[in-house]
Amino acid sequence: MPSLKSIAKLRAPLGRQEIELQQLDHEAGGMSLLRTRIREGSRFTVFDIDPITAREWGQALLAWAGSQPHE
């Protein structure tokens, strides 16, 4: 059974989605994955991504956020 370690929990203010990031490690070893769980009411979206994809996604998020006006 894989082990999960919670990294962050967020709540999107407009849609009230609950977002949780977890590190996923398999007992057999290998690469750690980043599990993203998004809860919208009773519906869940769960996906696992590798470190390279996580880095690219994170950079894209930071670039977009940095281009937005600050409140």
N, C-alpha and C. Protein backbone atom coordinates (compact mmCIF):
# COMPACT_ATOMS: atom_id res chain seq x y z
N MET A 1 0.85 -1.18 0.00
CA MET A 1 0.00 0.00 0.00
C MET A 1 0.89 1.24 0.00
N PRO A 2 0.60 2.20 -0.86
CA PRO A 2 1.43 3.42 -0.91
C PRO A 2 1.25 4.28 0.34
N SER A 3 2.28 5.05 0.65
CA SER A 3 2.17 5.99 1.77
C SER A 3 1.93 7.38 1.22
N LEU A 4 1.12 8.14 1.94
CA LEU A 4 0.78 9.51 1.56
C LEU A 4 1.20 10.46 2.66
N LYS A 5 1.85 11.56 2.28
CA LYS A 5 2.26 12.60 3.22
C LYS A 5 1.64 13.91 2.76
N SER A 6 0.82 14.52 3.60
CA SER A 6 0.18 15.78 3.25
C SER A 6 1.22 16.89 3.16
N ILE A 7 1.16 17.66 2.07
CA ILE A 7 2.09 18.76 1.84
C ILE A 7 1.41 20.09 2.06
N ALA A 8 0.20 20.23 1.52
CA ALA A 8 -0.53 21.50 1.64
C ALA A 8 -2.02 21.26 1.45
N LYS A 9 -2.81 22.10 2.12
CA LYS A 9 -4.27 22.11 1.95
C LYS A 9 -4.69 23.55 1.70
N LEU A 10 -5.47 23.74 0.65
CA LEU A 10 -5.91 25.08 0.25
C LEU A 10 -7.41 25.06 0.00
N ARG A 11 -8.00 26.23 0.04
CA ARG A 11 -9.41 26.37 -0.34
C ARG A 11 -9.51 27.54 -1.30
N ALA A 12 -10.05 27.26 -2.49
CA ALA A 12 -10.25 28.32 -3.48
C ALA A 12 -11.45 29.16 -3.05
N PRO A 13 -11.29 30.48 -2.93
CA PRO A 13 -12.36 31.30 -2.37
C PRO A 13 -13.61 31.40 -3.25
N LEU A 14 -13.46 31.40 -4.55
CA LEU A 14 -14.63 31.60 -5.41
C LEU A 14 -15.46 30.34 -5.58
N GLY A 15 -14.83 29.22 -5.90
CA GLY A 15 -15.58 27.98 -6.11
C GLY A 15 -15.66 27.10 -4.87
N ARG A 16 -14.97 27.51 -3.81
CA ARG A 16 -14.94 26.77 -2.54
C ARG A 16 -14.38 25.34 -2.69
N GLN A 17 -13.58 25.12 -3.75
CA GLN A 17 -12.96 23.81 -3.90
C GLN A 17 -11.89 23.64 -2.82
N GLU A 18 -11.80 22.42 -2.34
CA GLU A 18 -10.74 22.06 -1.40
C GLU A 18 -9.64 21.38 -2.20
N ILE A 19 -8.42 21.87 -2.07
CA ILE A 19 -7.28 21.33 -2.82
C ILE A 19 -6.28 20.80 -1.81
N GLU A 20 -5.87 19.55 -1.99
CA GLU A 20 -4.85 18.98 -1.13
C GLU A 20 -3.74 18.40 -1.98
N LEU A 21 -2.49 18.71 -1.61
CA LEU A 21 -1.31 18.16 -2.27
C LEU A 21 -0.69 17.15 -1.32
N GLN A 22 -0.36 15.97 -1.86
CA GLN A 22 0.23 14.91 -1.05
C GLN A 22 1.41 14.29 -1.80
N GLN A 23 2.42 13.88 -1.05
CA GLN A 23 3.51 13.10 -1.65
C GLN A 23 3.11 11.64 -1.59
N LEU A 24 3.21 10.96 -2.72
CA LEU A 24 2.83 9.56 -2.84
C LEU A 24 4.10 8.73 -3.04
N ASP A 25 4.35 7.80 -2.12
CA ASP A 25 5.49 6.90 -2.21
C ASP A 25 4.99 5.46 -2.18
N HIS A 26 5.44 4.65 -3.15
CA HIS A 26 5.07 3.25 -3.19
C HIS A 26 6.03 2.44 -2.34
N GLU A 27 5.53 1.37 -1.72
CA GLU A 27 6.37 0.51 -0.87
C GLU A 27 7.55 -0.06 -1.64
N ALA A 28 7.35 -0.37 -2.91
CA ALA A 28 8.40 -0.99 -3.72
C ALA A 28 9.50 0.00 -4.10
N GLY A 29 9.30 1.28 -3.78
CA GLY A 29 10.29 2.30 -4.12
C GLY A 29 9.98 2.97 -5.43
N GLY A 30 10.99 3.57 -6.01
CA GLY A 30 10.80 4.29 -7.25
C GLY A 30 10.58 5.77 -7.00
N MET A 31 10.15 6.45 -8.03
CA MET A 31 9.97 7.90 -7.97
C MET A 31 8.77 8.29 -7.11
N SER A 32 8.94 9.33 -6.31
CA SER A 32 7.80 9.90 -5.57
C SER A 32 6.94 10.67 -6.56
N LEU A 33 5.65 10.69 -6.31
CA LEU A 33 4.71 11.43 -7.15
C LEU A 33 3.99 12.46 -6.31
N LEU A 34 3.48 13.49 -6.97
CA LEU A 34 2.67 14.49 -6.30
C LEU A 34 1.21 14.19 -6.61
N ARG A 35 0.45 13.87 -5.59
CA ARG A 35 -0.98 13.62 -5.75
C ARG A 35 -1.72 14.92 -5.48
N THR A 36 -2.58 15.28 -6.40
CA THR A 36 -3.42 16.46 -6.26
C THR A 36 -4.86 15.98 -6.14
N ARG A 37 -5.51 16.36 -5.04
CA ARG A 37 -6.91 16.00 -4.80
C ARG A 37 -7.72 17.29 -4.76
N ILE A 38 -8.71 17.38 -5.63
CA ILE A 38 -9.58 18.54 -5.66
C ILE A 38 -11.00 18.06 -5.35
N ARG A 39 -11.57 18.63 -4.30
CA ARG A 39 -12.93 18.27 -3.91
C ARG A 39 -13.87 19.42 -4.25
N GLU A 40 -14.90 19.08 -5.00
CA GLU A 40 -15.95 20.05 -5.35
C GLU A 40 -17.27 19.44 -4.89
N GLY A 41 -17.73 19.85 -3.72
CA GLY A 41 -18.94 19.24 -3.16
C GLY A 41 -18.66 17.78 -2.83
N SER A 42 -19.40 16.87 -3.45
CA SER A 42 -19.19 15.45 -3.20
C SER A 42 -18.32 14.79 -4.27
N ARG A 43 -17.86 15.57 -5.24
CA ARG A 43 -17.06 15.03 -6.34
C ARG A 43 -15.57 15.28 -6.09
N PHE A 44 -14.75 14.27 -6.37
CA PHE A 44 -13.30 14.37 -6.22
C PHE A 44 -12.63 14.20 -7.57
N THR A 45 -11.58 14.97 -7.80
CA THR A 45 -10.68 14.76 -8.92
C THR A 45 -9.32 14.48 -8.31
N VAL A 46 -8.71 13.37 -8.69
CA VAL A 46 -7.42 12.97 -8.13
C VAL A 46 -6.49 12.63 -9.29
N PHE A 47 -5.29 13.20 -9.28
CA PHE A 47 -4.30 12.79 -10.26
C PHE A 47 -2.91 12.88 -9.67
N ASP A 48 -2.03 12.04 -10.19
CA ASP A 48 -0.65 11.94 -9.72
C ASP A 48 0.28 12.42 -10.84
N ILE A 49 1.26 13.26 -10.48
CA ILE A 49 2.20 13.75 -11.48
C ILE A 49 3.64 13.55 -11.00
N ASP A 50 4.53 13.46 -11.96
CA ASP A 50 5.94 13.27 -11.69
C ASP A 50 6.60 14.61 -11.34
N PRO A 51 7.83 14.57 -10.81
CA PRO A 51 8.50 15.82 -10.40
C PRO A 51 8.73 16.81 -11.55
N ILE A 52 9.03 16.34 -12.74
CA ILE A 52 9.27 17.26 -13.86
C ILE A 52 8.00 18.01 -14.22
N THR A 53 6.88 17.29 -14.31
CA THR A 53 5.60 17.93 -14.61
C THR A 53 5.21 18.89 -13.49
N ALA A 54 5.44 18.50 -12.23
CA ALA A 54 5.11 19.37 -11.10
C ALA A 54 5.91 20.67 -11.17
N ARG A 55 7.18 20.57 -11.53
CA ARG A 55 8.02 21.77 -11.63
C ARG A 55 7.51 22.69 -12.74
N GLU A 56 7.20 22.12 -13.90
CA GLU A 56 6.71 22.93 -15.03
C GLU A 56 5.37 23.58 -14.68
N TRP A 57 4.50 22.82 -14.05
CA TRP A 57 3.19 23.34 -13.66
C TRP A 57 3.36 24.47 -12.64
N GLY A 58 4.22 24.23 -11.63
CA GLY A 58 4.47 25.25 -10.61
C GLY A 58 5.03 26.53 -11.21
N GLN A 59 5.96 26.41 -12.15
CA GLN A 59 6.54 27.59 -12.80
C GLN A 59 5.47 28.34 -13.59
N ALA A 60 4.58 27.60 -14.26
CA ALA A 60 3.51 28.25 -15.02
C ALA A 60 2.55 28.99 -14.08
N LEU A 61 2.23 28.38 -12.93
CA LEU A 61 1.36 29.03 -11.95
C LEU A 61 2.01 30.30 -11.40
N LEU A 62 3.29 30.21 -11.06
CA LEU A 62 3.99 31.38 -10.53
C LEU A 62 4.09 32.50 -11.56
N ALA A 63 4.35 32.15 -12.82
CA ALA A 63 4.44 33.15 -13.87
C ALA A 63 3.09 33.86 -14.04
N TRP A 64 2.02 33.10 -14.05
CA TRP A 64 0.69 33.71 -14.19
C TRP A 64 0.38 34.60 -12.99
N ALA A 65 0.58 34.08 -11.79
CA ALA A 65 0.29 34.86 -10.58
C ALA A 65 1.13 36.13 -10.54
N GLY A 66 2.38 36.05 -10.97
CA GLY A 66 3.25 37.22 -10.97
C GLY A 66 2.82 38.29 -11.96
N SER A 67 2.09 37.89 -12.99
CA SER A 67 1.64 38.86 -14.00
C SER A 67 0.33 39.54 -13.64
N GLN A 68 -0.29 39.11 -12.55
CA GLN A 68 -1.58 39.68 -12.14
C GLN A 68 -1.38 40.86 -11.21
N PRO A 69 -2.30 41.82 -11.26
CA PRO A 69 -2.19 42.97 -10.34
C PRO A 69 -2.31 42.50 -8.89
N HIS A 70 -1.56 43.12 -8.02
CA HIS A 70 -1.62 42.80 -6.59
C HIS A 70 -2.77 43.56 -5.93
N GLU A 71 -3.45 42.89 -5.03
CA GLU A 71 -4.56 43.55 -4.32
C GLU A 71 -4.06 44.18 -3.04
